[in-house]
Amino acid sequence: RARIPAVVRILSSDRATRVNEMIEAELSLADDRDDLDYRERLPRVRIVPRIRSLCSLGTVRRRIHVLQWLPQYRVQYLLSDVIAGVTVTLTAIPQSIAYGILANLEPQDGIYSNLVGCFMYFLFGSVKDVTVAPTSIMAIMVQGVVLRLGPGAALLTLLAGAVTFLFGVLNLGFLVRFISMPVITGFTTAACLTIGSAQLRSLFGISSKGKGSDFIDA
């Protein structure tokens, strides 16, 4: 058998050593990359504190505003608030009945809408000078859905509440700032004309038949 020169054996051993060192370096670098790979752990690290903050007492107090002002309420304000509440109620009852009829619903439906809206704003509202109640524009929009869907229009209440709740959770109230004043003015003017034309039938005592519920379809 031919003998391998010593120089060749030394070079082969050095090359094998270098290869082993390179392999170990790559494995070590891969381990370091695994240690630095936070993509799997990042959602858990951020979601858990987020959930805890949402379930904290401070967050609940910020969302349910009645928990902020009710403990600080003064008894001497009670009489004035009762008088104001009775006054607003006496005004809201006939107004709610009219809006219920305008929406092609029963009169009590308008009262229910006013009652539930005020109660929900009592719990979650942040402005004490705001009165929440059905409006003429809202009644007109509901009327179109009621005429098309009939009893199925009750789903509109759930959808409107869900959208409003979602806007409140996501703090999307700032979107109102992007509605220009000409748009608001035009919409209000159109609503006034629609409401006025819808009441002409009752004003003149005219009975009309057909798919539309108004003497003048707007």
N, C-alpha and C. Protein backbone atom coordinates (compact mmCIF):
# COMPACT_ATOMS: atom_id res chain seq x y z
N ARG A 1 0.84 -1.22 0.00
CA ARG A 1 0.00 0.00 0.00
C ARG A 1 0.86 1.26 0.00
N ALA A 2 0.49 2.20 -0.82
CA ALA A 2 1.26 3.44 -0.86
C ALA A 2 0.94 4.29 0.34
N ARG A 3 1.95 4.85 0.92
CA ARG A 3 1.77 5.70 2.08
C ARG A 3 1.46 7.14 1.67
N ILE A 4 0.50 7.77 2.42
CA ILE A 4 0.15 9.17 2.16
C ILE A 4 1.18 10.05 2.83
N PRO A 5 1.76 10.97 2.11
CA PRO A 5 2.76 11.84 2.71
C PRO A 5 2.21 12.57 3.93
N ALA A 6 3.07 12.90 4.84
CA ALA A 6 2.67 13.59 6.08
C ALA A 6 2.08 14.95 5.81
N VAL A 7 2.64 15.62 4.77
CA VAL A 7 2.12 16.97 4.45
C VAL A 7 0.68 16.90 3.99
N VAL A 8 0.35 15.84 3.20
CA VAL A 8 -1.03 15.70 2.72
C VAL A 8 -1.97 15.40 3.87
N ARG A 9 -1.49 14.54 4.81
CA ARG A 9 -2.34 14.22 5.97
C ARG A 9 -2.60 15.46 6.81
N ILE A 10 -1.59 16.32 6.97
CA ILE A 10 -1.77 17.54 7.78
C ILE A 10 -2.77 18.49 7.10
N LEU A 11 -2.63 18.63 5.75
CA LEU A 11 -3.56 19.50 5.03
C LEU A 11 -4.99 18.99 5.10
N SER A 12 -5.15 17.65 4.99
CA SER A 12 -6.49 17.06 5.07
C SER A 12 -7.10 17.29 6.44
N SER A 13 -6.30 17.10 7.48
CA SER A 13 -6.82 17.31 8.83
C SER A 13 -7.19 18.77 9.07
N ASP A 14 -6.36 19.69 8.54
CA ASP A 14 -6.68 21.11 8.69
C ASP A 14 -7.98 21.47 7.95
N ARG A 15 -8.13 20.90 6.76
CA ARG A 15 -9.35 21.18 6.00
C ARG A 15 -10.58 20.63 6.72
N ALA A 16 -10.46 19.41 7.26
CA ALA A 16 -11.59 18.84 8.01
C ALA A 16 -11.91 19.67 9.24
N THR A 17 -10.85 20.17 9.89
CA THR A 17 -11.08 21.01 11.07
C THR A 17 -11.81 22.29 10.70
N ARG A 18 -11.40 22.89 9.58
CA ARG A 18 -12.05 24.12 9.14
C ARG A 18 -13.51 23.87 8.77
N VAL A 19 -13.75 22.74 8.10
CA VAL A 19 -15.13 22.40 7.74
C VAL A 19 -15.99 22.22 8.98
N ASN A 20 -15.42 21.52 9.97
CA ASN A 20 -16.17 21.32 11.23
C ASN A 20 -16.43 22.65 11.92
N GLU A 21 -15.43 23.53 11.90
CA GLU A 21 -15.62 24.83 12.53
C GLU A 21 -16.70 25.64 11.80
N MET A 22 -16.70 25.56 10.47
CA MET A 22 -17.72 26.28 9.71
C MET A 22 -19.11 25.73 9.99
N ILE A 23 -19.21 24.39 10.10
CA ILE A 23 -20.51 23.78 10.40
C ILE A 23 -20.99 24.20 11.78
N GLU A 24 -20.07 24.17 12.76
CA GLU A 24 -20.44 24.59 14.12
C GLU A 24 -20.84 26.06 14.16
N ALA A 25 -20.14 26.89 13.37
CA ALA A 25 -20.49 28.31 13.33
C ALA A 25 -21.88 28.52 12.74
N GLU A 26 -22.19 27.78 11.67
CA GLU A 26 -23.51 27.89 11.06
C GLU A 26 -24.61 27.43 12.02
N LEU A 27 -24.34 26.31 12.72
CA LEU A 27 -25.32 25.83 13.69
C LEU A 27 -25.52 26.82 14.82
N SER A 28 -24.42 27.41 15.29
CA SER A 28 -24.53 28.41 16.35
C SER A 28 -25.30 29.64 15.88
N LEU A 29 -25.03 30.07 14.62
CA LEU A 29 -25.76 31.21 14.07
C LEU A 29 -27.24 30.90 13.90
N ALA A 30 -27.55 29.67 13.52
CA ALA A 30 -28.95 29.27 13.39
C ALA A 30 -29.65 29.29 14.74
N ASP A 31 -28.93 28.84 15.78
CA ASP A 31 -29.52 28.88 17.12
C ASP A 31 -29.78 30.32 17.55
N ASP A 32 -28.80 31.21 17.23
CA ASP A 32 -29.00 32.62 17.58
C ASP A 32 -30.19 33.21 16.83
N ARG A 33 -30.35 32.81 15.57
CA ARG A 33 -31.50 33.30 14.81
C ARG A 33 -32.81 32.80 15.40
N ASP A 34 -32.81 31.56 15.87
CA ASP A 34 -34.02 31.03 16.51
C ASP A 34 -34.34 31.81 17.78
N ASP A 35 -33.26 32.19 18.51
CA ASP A 35 -33.48 32.96 19.73
C ASP A 35 -34.03 34.35 19.42
N LEU A 36 -33.58 34.92 18.28
CA LEU A 36 -34.04 36.26 17.91
C LEU A 36 -35.36 36.25 17.16
N ASP A 37 -35.83 35.10 16.76
CA ASP A 37 -37.08 35.01 16.00
C ASP A 37 -38.26 35.20 16.95
N TYR A 38 -38.85 36.40 16.94
CA TYR A 38 -39.92 36.75 17.87
C TYR A 38 -41.28 36.77 17.20
N ARG A 39 -41.36 36.34 15.96
CA ARG A 39 -42.64 36.43 15.26
C ARG A 39 -43.69 35.53 15.88
N GLU A 40 -43.30 34.43 16.45
CA GLU A 40 -44.28 33.53 17.07
C GLU A 40 -44.68 34.01 18.45
N ARG A 41 -43.78 34.72 19.12
CA ARG A 41 -44.07 35.15 20.48
C ARG A 41 -44.65 36.55 20.56
N LEU A 42 -44.46 37.35 19.51
CA LEU A 42 -44.90 38.74 19.56
C LEU A 42 -46.41 38.90 19.75
N PRO A 43 -47.26 38.16 19.03
CA PRO A 43 -48.70 38.33 19.26
C PRO A 43 -49.11 38.01 20.68
N ARG A 44 -48.52 36.96 21.26
CA ARG A 44 -48.89 36.60 22.62
C ARG A 44 -48.44 37.66 23.61
N VAL A 45 -47.27 38.25 23.35
CA VAL A 45 -46.75 39.25 24.27
C VAL A 45 -47.60 40.52 24.24
N ARG A 46 -48.11 40.89 23.06
CA ARG A 46 -48.88 42.12 22.94
C ARG A 46 -50.36 41.93 23.20
N ILE A 47 -50.91 40.80 22.86
CA ILE A 47 -52.34 40.59 23.00
C ILE A 47 -52.73 40.45 24.47
N VAL A 48 -51.93 39.73 25.23
CA VAL A 48 -52.28 39.49 26.64
C VAL A 48 -52.37 40.80 27.42
N PRO A 49 -51.36 41.69 27.36
CA PRO A 49 -51.52 42.97 28.06
C PRO A 49 -52.69 43.80 27.53
N ARG A 50 -52.95 43.69 26.22
CA ARG A 50 -54.07 44.44 25.65
C ARG A 50 -55.39 43.96 26.22
N ILE A 51 -55.55 42.66 26.32
CA ILE A 51 -56.78 42.10 26.88
C ILE A 51 -56.92 42.49 28.34
N ARG A 52 -55.81 42.45 29.07
CA ARG A 52 -55.85 42.84 30.48
C ARG A 52 -56.23 44.30 30.64
N SER A 53 -55.69 45.16 29.76
CA SER A 53 -56.03 46.58 29.86
C SER A 53 -57.49 46.84 29.52
N LEU A 54 -58.04 46.08 28.55
CA LEU A 54 -59.44 46.25 28.20
C LEU A 54 -60.37 45.80 29.31
N CYS A 55 -59.93 44.81 30.07
CA CYS A 55 -60.75 44.29 31.16
C CYS A 55 -60.47 44.96 32.49
N SER A 56 -59.62 45.97 32.50
CA SER A 56 -59.28 46.63 33.75
C SER A 56 -60.42 47.55 34.19
N LEU A 57 -60.39 47.91 35.47
CA LEU A 57 -61.43 48.77 36.02
C LEU A 57 -61.37 50.17 35.42
N GLY A 58 -60.16 50.65 35.12
CA GLY A 58 -60.03 51.97 34.52
C GLY A 58 -60.68 52.06 33.16
N THR A 59 -60.51 51.01 32.34
CA THR A 59 -61.13 51.01 31.02
C THR A 59 -62.65 50.94 31.12
N VAL A 60 -63.15 50.15 32.05
CA VAL A 60 -64.60 50.06 32.24
C VAL A 60 -65.18 51.41 32.68
N ARG A 61 -64.47 52.10 33.54
CA ARG A 61 -64.94 53.42 34.00
C ARG A 61 -64.91 54.44 32.87
N ARG A 62 -63.93 54.32 31.97
CA ARG A 62 -63.87 55.26 30.85
C ARG A 62 -64.97 55.00 29.84
N ARG A 63 -65.37 53.75 29.67
CA ARG A 63 -66.41 53.42 28.70
C ARG A 63 -67.81 53.62 29.26
N ILE A 64 -68.02 53.27 30.51
CA ILE A 64 -69.33 53.43 31.15
C ILE A 64 -69.24 54.67 32.03
N HIS A 65 -69.64 55.80 31.48
CA HIS A 65 -69.39 57.09 32.13
C HIS A 65 -70.24 57.28 33.38
N VAL A 66 -71.31 56.52 33.51
CA VAL A 66 -72.13 56.69 34.71
C VAL A 66 -71.35 56.31 35.96
N LEU A 67 -70.35 55.45 35.83
CA LEU A 67 -69.53 55.07 36.98
C LEU A 67 -68.59 56.19 37.40
N GLN A 68 -68.41 57.20 36.55
CA GLN A 68 -67.55 58.32 36.91
C GLN A 68 -68.30 59.41 37.67
N TRP A 69 -69.47 59.80 37.15
CA TRP A 69 -70.14 60.94 37.76
C TRP A 69 -71.15 60.56 38.83
N LEU A 70 -71.67 59.33 38.80
CA LEU A 70 -72.69 58.97 39.79
C LEU A 70 -72.16 58.97 41.22
N PRO A 71 -70.95 58.46 41.50
CA PRO A 71 -70.46 58.54 42.89
C PRO A 71 -70.25 59.98 43.37
N GLN A 72 -70.07 60.94 42.44
CA GLN A 72 -69.85 62.33 42.82
C GLN A 72 -71.12 63.17 42.73
N TYR A 73 -72.26 62.52 42.48
CA TYR A 73 -73.51 63.26 42.32
C TYR A 73 -73.95 63.84 43.66
N ARG A 74 -74.44 65.08 43.61
CA ARG A 74 -74.89 65.77 44.81
C ARG A 74 -76.41 65.69 44.92
N VAL A 75 -76.87 65.46 46.13
CA VAL A 75 -78.30 65.28 46.36
C VAL A 75 -79.07 66.58 46.08
N GLN A 76 -78.45 67.72 46.31
CA GLN A 76 -79.17 68.99 46.11
C GLN A 76 -79.51 69.24 44.65
N TYR A 77 -78.90 68.48 43.73
CA TYR A 77 -79.24 68.62 42.31
C TYR A 77 -80.46 67.78 41.93
N LEU A 78 -80.95 66.94 42.83
CA LEU A 78 -81.98 65.97 42.47
C LEU A 78 -83.28 66.64 42.05
N LEU A 79 -83.73 67.64 42.80
CA LEU A 79 -85.01 68.29 42.50
C LEU A 79 -84.97 68.97 41.13
N SER A 80 -83.91 69.69 40.85
CA SER A 80 -83.79 70.35 39.55
C SER A 80 -83.73 69.34 38.41
N ASP A 81 -83.03 68.24 38.62
CA ASP A 81 -82.95 67.22 37.58
C ASP A 81 -84.29 66.54 37.35
N VAL A 82 -85.06 66.34 38.40
CA VAL A 82 -86.38 65.74 38.25
C VAL A 82 -87.31 66.66 37.46
N ILE A 83 -87.26 67.95 37.76
CA ILE A 83 -88.09 68.92 37.02
C ILE A 83 -87.69 68.95 35.55
N ALA A 84 -86.39 68.95 35.29
CA ALA A 84 -85.92 68.94 33.90
C ALA A 84 -86.32 67.65 33.19
N GLY A 85 -86.24 66.53 33.90
CA GLY A 85 -86.62 65.25 33.29
C GLY A 85 -88.09 65.19 32.95
N VAL A 86 -88.95 65.69 33.85
CA VAL A 86 -90.39 65.69 33.59
C VAL A 86 -90.72 66.60 32.41
N THR A 87 -90.06 67.75 32.35
CA THR A 87 -90.30 68.69 31.24
C THR A 87 -89.93 68.07 29.90
N VAL A 88 -88.76 67.46 29.86
CA VAL A 88 -88.32 66.82 28.61
C VAL A 88 -89.23 65.66 28.24
N THR A 89 -89.71 64.92 29.24
CA THR A 89 -90.60 63.78 28.97
C THR A 89 -91.91 64.24 28.36
N LEU A 90 -92.50 65.31 28.92
CA LEU A 90 -93.76 65.82 28.38
C LEU A 90 -93.61 66.32 26.95
N THR A 91 -92.42 66.79 26.62
CA THR A 91 -92.17 67.22 25.24
C THR A 91 -91.88 66.05 24.32
N ALA A 92 -91.20 65.04 24.85
CA ALA A 92 -90.74 63.93 24.01
C ALA A 92 -91.86 62.95 23.68
N ILE A 93 -92.86 62.81 24.54
CA ILE A 93 -93.91 61.82 24.29
C ILE A 93 -94.68 62.11 23.00
N PRO A 94 -95.27 63.30 22.83
CA PRO A 94 -95.97 63.54 21.55
C PRO A 94 -95.03 63.56 20.35
N GLN A 95 -93.81 64.03 20.58
CA GLN A 95 -92.85 64.04 19.48
C GLN A 95 -92.50 62.63 19.04
N SER A 96 -92.31 61.73 20.00
CA SER A 96 -91.99 60.34 19.68
C SER A 96 -93.15 59.64 18.99
N ILE A 97 -94.37 59.95 19.42
CA ILE A 97 -95.55 59.37 18.75
C ILE A 97 -95.61 59.80 17.29
N ALA A 98 -95.33 61.09 17.05
CA ALA A 98 -95.36 61.59 15.67
C ALA A 98 -94.27 60.93 14.82
N TYR A 99 -93.10 60.74 15.40
CA TYR A 99 -92.02 60.10 14.64
C TYR A 99 -92.33 58.63 14.37
N GLY A 100 -93.01 57.97 15.30
CA GLY A 100 -93.40 56.59 15.06
C GLY A 100 -94.37 56.47 13.90
N ILE A 101 -95.34 57.39 13.84
CA ILE A 101 -96.29 57.39 12.72
C ILE A 101 -95.59 57.75 11.41
N LEU A 102 -94.65 58.70 11.48
CA LEU A 102 -93.92 59.10 10.28
C LEU A 102 -93.08 57.95 9.72
N ALA A 103 -92.59 57.09 10.60
CA ALA A 103 -91.80 55.94 10.15
C ALA A 103 -92.67 54.76 9.72
N ASN A 104 -94.00 54.99 9.63
CA ASN A 104 -94.94 53.94 9.23
C ASN A 104 -94.97 52.79 10.25
N LEU A 105 -94.80 53.14 11.51
CA LEU A 105 -94.84 52.18 12.60
C LEU A 105 -95.98 52.54 13.54
N GLU A 106 -96.12 51.76 14.59
CA GLU A 106 -97.11 52.06 15.61
C GLU A 106 -96.63 53.23 16.47
N PRO A 107 -97.54 54.01 17.04
CA PRO A 107 -97.11 55.15 17.87
C PRO A 107 -96.23 54.74 19.05
N GLN A 108 -96.52 53.58 19.65
CA GLN A 108 -95.72 53.16 20.80
C GLN A 108 -94.28 52.83 20.42
N ASP A 109 -94.06 52.50 19.15
CA ASP A 109 -92.69 52.21 18.73
C ASP A 109 -91.80 53.44 18.84
N GLY A 110 -92.36 54.60 18.54
CA GLY A 110 -91.60 55.83 18.71
C GLY A 110 -91.26 56.09 20.17
N ILE A 111 -92.20 55.78 21.07
CA ILE A 111 -91.93 55.96 22.50
C ILE A 111 -90.86 54.99 22.98
N TYR A 112 -90.91 53.75 22.51
CA TYR A 112 -89.89 52.78 22.89
C TYR A 112 -88.51 53.23 22.42
N SER A 113 -88.44 53.77 21.22
CA SER A 113 -87.16 54.23 20.70
C SER A 113 -86.59 55.35 21.55
N ASN A 114 -87.45 56.25 21.96
CA ASN A 114 -87.00 57.35 22.81
C ASN A 114 -86.55 56.85 24.17
N LEU A 115 -87.31 55.93 24.74
CA LEU A 115 -87.00 55.43 26.08
C LEU A 115 -85.67 54.67 26.10
N VAL A 116 -85.50 53.76 25.16
CA VAL A 116 -84.28 52.95 25.13
C VAL A 116 -83.06 53.81 24.83
N GLY A 117 -83.21 54.76 23.89
CA GLY A 117 -82.08 55.63 23.56
C GLY A 117 -81.62 56.46 24.74
N CYS A 118 -82.57 57.03 25.48
CA CYS A 118 -82.21 57.83 26.66
C CYS A 118 -81.56 56.98 27.74
N PHE A 119 -82.05 55.77 27.93
CA PHE A 119 -81.47 54.91 28.96
C PHE A 119 -80.05 54.50 28.61
N MET A 120 -79.81 54.16 27.35
CA MET A 120 -78.46 53.76 26.94
C MET A 120 -77.49 54.94 27.04
N TYR A 121 -77.96 56.13 26.68
CA TYR A 121 -77.07 57.29 26.80
C TYR A 121 -76.83 57.65 28.25
N PHE A 122 -77.77 57.36 29.12
CA PHE A 122 -77.57 57.56 30.55
C PHE A 122 -76.39 56.73 31.06
N LEU A 123 -76.21 55.54 30.50
CA LEU A 123 -75.12 54.66 30.93
C LEU A 123 -73.79 55.00 30.26
N PHE A 124 -73.82 55.25 28.96
CA PHE A 124 -72.58 55.37 28.19
C PHE A 124 -72.29 56.79 27.72
N GLY A 125 -73.22 57.72 27.89
CA GLY A 125 -73.01 59.08 27.39
C GLY A 125 -71.99 59.84 28.21
N SER A 126 -71.31 60.77 27.56
CA SER A 126 -70.27 61.56 28.22
C SER A 126 -70.61 63.05 28.29
N VAL A 127 -71.68 63.49 27.62
CA VAL A 127 -72.06 64.91 27.62
C VAL A 127 -73.41 65.04 28.32
N LYS A 128 -73.46 65.81 29.38
CA LYS A 128 -74.68 65.90 30.18
C LYS A 128 -75.75 66.79 29.56
N ASP A 129 -75.39 67.59 28.57
CA ASP A 129 -76.34 68.52 27.97
C ASP A 129 -76.97 67.99 26.69
N VAL A 130 -76.74 66.75 26.35
CA VAL A 130 -77.25 66.17 25.11
C VAL A 130 -78.51 65.36 25.41
N THR A 131 -79.54 65.56 24.61
CA THR A 131 -80.77 64.78 24.72
C THR A 131 -80.85 63.83 23.53
N VAL A 132 -80.88 62.55 23.80
CA VAL A 132 -80.92 61.53 22.75
C VAL A 132 -82.38 61.15 22.52
N ALA A 133 -82.83 61.25 21.28
CA ALA A 133 -84.23 60.94 20.95
C ALA A 133 -84.32 60.69 19.45
N PRO A 134 -85.40 60.05 19.00
CA PRO A 134 -85.60 59.88 17.55
C PRO A 134 -85.73 61.23 16.86
N THR A 135 -85.32 61.27 15.62
CA THR A 135 -85.39 62.49 14.83
C THR A 135 -86.23 62.26 13.58
N SER A 136 -86.61 63.35 12.95
CA SER A 136 -87.43 63.24 11.74
C SER A 136 -86.65 62.57 10.60
N ILE A 137 -85.37 62.87 10.48
CA ILE A 137 -84.57 62.25 9.43
C ILE A 137 -84.46 60.75 9.67
N MET A 138 -84.28 60.37 10.91
CA MET A 138 -84.21 58.94 11.24
C MET A 138 -85.53 58.25 10.92
N ALA A 139 -86.65 58.92 11.22
CA ALA A 139 -87.96 58.32 10.94
C ALA A 139 -88.16 58.12 9.44
N ILE A 140 -87.71 59.07 8.63
CA ILE A 140 -87.86 58.93 7.17
C ILE A 140 -87.02 57.77 6.65
N MET A 141 -85.81 57.64 7.14
CA MET A 141 -84.94 56.55 6.70
C MET A 141 -85.51 55.19 7.10
N VAL A 142 -86.09 55.12 8.29
CA VAL A 142 -86.70 53.87 8.74
C VAL A 142 -87.95 53.56 7.94
N GLN A 143 -88.68 54.59 7.54
CA GLN A 143 -89.91 54.38 6.78
C GLN A 143 -89.65 53.62 5.48
N GLY A 144 -88.58 53.99 4.79
CA GLY A 144 -88.27 53.30 3.54
C GLY A 144 -87.99 51.83 3.74
N VAL A 145 -87.31 51.49 4.83
CA VAL A 145 -87.00 50.08 5.11
C VAL A 145 -88.26 49.33 5.51
N VAL A 146 -89.12 49.98 6.30
CA VAL A 146 -90.35 49.32 6.75
C VAL A 146 -91.27 49.04 5.57
N LEU A 147 -91.36 49.96 4.63
CA LEU A 147 -92.23 49.75 3.47
C LEU A 147 -91.75 48.60 2.60
N ARG A 148 -90.44 48.38 2.56
CA ARG A 148 -89.90 47.30 1.72
C ARG A 148 -89.88 45.96 2.42
N LEU A 149 -89.52 45.94 3.69
CA LEU A 149 -89.30 44.67 4.40
C LEU A 149 -90.42 44.29 5.34
N GLY A 150 -91.21 45.24 5.77
CA GLY A 150 -92.28 44.90 6.71
C GLY A 150 -91.72 44.55 8.08
N PRO A 151 -92.22 43.45 8.68
CA PRO A 151 -91.72 43.06 10.02
C PRO A 151 -90.22 42.76 10.04
N GLY A 152 -89.66 42.37 8.90
CA GLY A 152 -88.23 42.09 8.86
C GLY A 152 -87.36 43.30 9.10
N ALA A 153 -87.97 44.49 9.07
CA ALA A 153 -87.20 45.71 9.31
C ALA A 153 -86.75 45.82 10.76
N ALA A 154 -87.24 44.93 11.63
CA ALA A 154 -86.79 44.95 13.02
C ALA A 154 -85.29 44.67 13.13
N LEU A 155 -84.73 43.99 12.12
CA LEU A 155 -83.30 43.74 12.11
C LEU A 155 -82.50 45.03 12.00
N LEU A 156 -83.14 46.08 11.46
CA LEU A 156 -82.45 47.36 11.33
C LEU A 156 -82.03 47.91 12.68
N THR A 157 -82.83 47.66 13.71
CA THR A 157 -82.49 48.13 15.05
C THR A 157 -81.20 47.48 15.54
N LEU A 158 -81.10 46.16 15.34
CA LEU A 158 -79.89 45.45 15.77
C LEU A 158 -78.66 45.92 14.99
N LEU A 159 -78.81 46.08 13.68
CA LEU A 159 -77.67 46.50 12.86
C LEU A 159 -77.22 47.92 13.21
N ALA A 160 -78.18 48.81 13.42
CA ALA A 160 -77.82 50.18 13.78
C ALA A 160 -77.11 50.22 15.13
N GLY A 161 -77.60 49.43 16.09
CA GLY A 161 -76.92 49.38 17.38
C GLY A 161 -75.53 48.79 17.29
N ALA A 162 -75.36 47.75 16.47
CA ALA A 162 -74.03 47.13 16.33
C ALA A 162 -73.04 48.10 15.68
N VAL A 163 -73.48 48.82 14.65
CA VAL A 163 -72.59 49.78 13.99
C VAL A 163 -72.23 50.92 14.94
N THR A 164 -73.20 51.41 15.69
CA THR A 164 -72.93 52.48 16.64
C THR A 164 -71.96 52.02 17.73
N PHE A 165 -72.16 50.81 18.22
CA PHE A 165 -71.26 50.27 19.24
C PHE A 165 -69.84 50.11 18.68
N LEU A 166 -69.74 49.64 17.44
CA LEU A 166 -68.42 49.47 16.82
C LEU A 166 -67.73 50.81 16.62
N PHE A 167 -68.46 51.82 16.21
CA PHE A 167 -67.88 53.15 16.06
C PHE A 167 -67.39 53.69 17.40
N GLY A 168 -68.14 53.41 18.46
CA GLY A 168 -67.71 53.87 19.77
C GLY A 168 -66.47 53.17 20.27
N VAL A 169 -66.38 51.86 20.05
CA VAL A 169 -65.21 51.11 20.50
C VAL A 169 -63.96 51.54 19.74
N LEU A 170 -64.10 51.78 18.44
CA LEU A 170 -62.95 52.16 17.60
C LEU A 170 -62.68 53.66 17.59
N ASN A 171 -63.47 54.43 18.34
CA ASN A 171 -63.27 55.89 18.41
C ASN A 171 -63.29 56.53 17.01
N LEU A 172 -64.33 56.23 16.26
CA LEU A 172 -64.45 56.74 14.89
C LEU A 172 -65.33 57.98 14.80
N GLY A 173 -65.59 58.62 15.93
CA GLY A 173 -66.41 59.82 15.90
C GLY A 173 -65.78 60.97 15.13
N PHE A 174 -64.46 60.95 14.98
CA PHE A 174 -63.79 62.03 14.27
C PHE A 174 -64.16 62.07 12.79
N LEU A 175 -64.76 61.00 12.26
CA LEU A 175 -65.13 60.98 10.85
C LEU A 175 -66.20 62.02 10.52
N VAL A 176 -66.95 62.45 11.53
CA VAL A 176 -67.99 63.46 11.30
C VAL A 176 -67.37 64.78 10.83
N ARG A 177 -66.14 65.03 11.22
CA ARG A 177 -65.48 66.28 10.83
C ARG A 177 -65.26 66.38 9.33
N PHE A 178 -65.24 65.25 8.65
CA PHE A 178 -64.99 65.25 7.21
C PHE A 178 -66.26 65.47 6.39
N ILE A 179 -67.41 65.57 7.05
CA ILE A 179 -68.66 65.87 6.34
C ILE A 179 -68.78 67.38 6.21
N SER A 180 -68.80 67.87 4.99
CA SER A 180 -68.80 69.31 4.77
C SER A 180 -70.16 69.91 5.11
N MET A 181 -70.17 71.21 5.38
CA MET A 181 -71.40 71.90 5.73
C MET A 181 -72.42 71.92 4.58
N PRO A 182 -72.02 72.08 3.31
CA PRO A 182 -73.03 72.00 2.23
C PRO A 182 -73.76 70.67 2.19
N VAL A 183 -73.05 69.58 2.50
CA VAL A 183 -73.71 68.27 2.52
C VAL A 183 -74.76 68.23 3.63
N ILE A 184 -74.41 68.72 4.80
CA ILE A 184 -75.35 68.72 5.93
C ILE A 184 -76.55 69.62 5.62
N THR A 185 -76.29 70.79 5.05
CA THR A 185 -77.38 71.72 4.72
C THR A 185 -78.32 71.12 3.67
N GLY A 186 -77.76 70.53 2.64
CA GLY A 186 -78.60 69.91 1.61
C GLY A 186 -79.41 68.74 2.14
N PHE A 187 -78.79 67.94 2.99
CA PHE A 187 -79.51 66.80 3.56
C PHE A 187 -80.65 67.27 4.45
N THR A 188 -80.40 68.30 5.26
CA THR A 188 -81.44 68.83 6.15
C THR A 188 -82.59 69.45 5.35
N THR A 189 -82.26 70.18 4.29
CA THR A 189 -83.30 70.79 3.46
C THR A 189 -84.17 69.73 2.78
N ALA A 190 -83.52 68.69 2.26
CA ALA A 190 -84.28 67.61 1.63
C ALA A 190 -85.19 66.91 2.63
N ALA A 191 -84.69 66.73 3.86
CA ALA A 191 -85.52 66.10 4.89
C ALA A 191 -86.72 66.97 5.23
N CYS A 192 -86.53 68.28 5.29
CA CYS A 192 -87.66 69.18 5.58
C CYS A 192 -88.73 69.10 4.49
N LEU A 193 -88.30 69.10 3.24
CA LEU A 193 -89.27 69.00 2.14
C LEU A 193 -89.99 67.66 2.15
N THR A 194 -89.25 66.59 2.47
CA THR A 194 -89.88 65.27 2.50
C THR A 194 -90.90 65.17 3.62
N ILE A 195 -90.54 65.70 4.78
CA ILE A 195 -91.48 65.65 5.91
C ILE A 195 -92.72 66.49 5.61
N GLY A 196 -92.52 67.67 5.06
CA GLY A 196 -93.67 68.52 4.74
C GLY A 196 -94.60 67.89 3.73
N SER A 197 -94.05 67.31 2.68
CA SER A 197 -94.89 66.68 1.67
C SER A 197 -95.59 65.44 2.20
N ALA A 198 -94.95 64.75 3.15
CA ALA A 198 -95.57 63.55 3.71
C ALA A 198 -96.78 63.87 4.58
N GLN A 199 -96.85 65.10 5.10
CA GLN A 199 -97.95 65.46 5.98
C GLN A 199 -99.11 66.13 5.24
N LEU A 200 -98.95 66.34 3.93
CA LEU A 200 -100.03 67.00 3.18
C LEU A 200 -101.29 66.15 3.14
N ARG A 201 -101.13 64.83 3.10
CA ARG A 201 -102.31 63.96 3.04
C ARG A 201 -103.16 64.12 4.28
N SER A 202 -102.53 64.09 5.44
CA SER A 202 -103.28 64.25 6.69
C SER A 202 -103.80 65.67 6.85
N LEU A 203 -103.04 66.64 6.33
CA LEU A 203 -103.45 68.04 6.48
C LEU A 203 -104.74 68.33 5.71
N PHE A 204 -104.86 67.78 4.50
CA PHE A 204 -106.04 68.03 3.67
C PHE A 204 -107.07 66.91 3.77
N GLY A 205 -106.82 65.88 4.57
CA GLY A 205 -107.77 64.80 4.73
C GLY A 205 -107.96 63.97 3.49
N ILE A 206 -106.92 63.75 2.74
CA ILE A 206 -106.98 62.99 1.49
C ILE A 206 -106.54 61.56 1.76
N SER A 207 -107.32 60.60 1.31
CA SER A 207 -106.96 59.19 1.45
C SER A 207 -106.44 58.69 0.12
N SER A 208 -105.23 58.17 0.11
CA SER A 208 -104.60 57.68 -1.12
C SER A 208 -104.37 56.19 -1.00
N LYS A 209 -104.44 55.51 -2.12
CA LYS A 209 -104.22 54.08 -2.17
C LYS A 209 -103.05 53.80 -3.10
N GLY A 210 -102.34 52.74 -2.78
CA GLY A 210 -101.18 52.38 -3.59
C GLY A 210 -100.06 51.87 -2.72
N LYS A 211 -98.95 51.61 -3.37
CA LYS A 211 -97.79 51.10 -2.63
C LYS A 211 -97.20 52.15 -1.71
N GLY A 212 -97.21 53.41 -2.15
CA GLY A 212 -96.64 54.45 -1.31
C GLY A 212 -97.58 54.80 -0.18
N SER A 213 -97.01 55.23 0.93
CA SER A 213 -97.81 55.60 2.09
C SER A 213 -98.04 57.10 2.16
N ASP A 214 -97.51 57.87 1.21
CA ASP A 214 -97.61 59.31 1.25
C ASP A 214 -98.47 59.80 0.08
N PHE A 215 -99.12 60.92 0.31
CA PHE A 215 -99.89 61.55 -0.76
C PHE A 215 -98.97 61.99 -1.90
N ILE A 216 -97.81 62.50 -1.55
CA ILE A 216 -96.79 62.87 -2.52
C ILE A 216 -95.56 62.02 -2.24
N ASP A 217 -95.18 61.20 -3.21
CA ASP A 217 -94.00 60.37 -3.03
C ASP A 217 -92.76 61.22 -3.22
N ALA A 218 -91.87 61.19 -2.24
CA ALA A 218 -90.64 61.97 -2.30
C ALA A 218 -89.47 61.04 -2.49
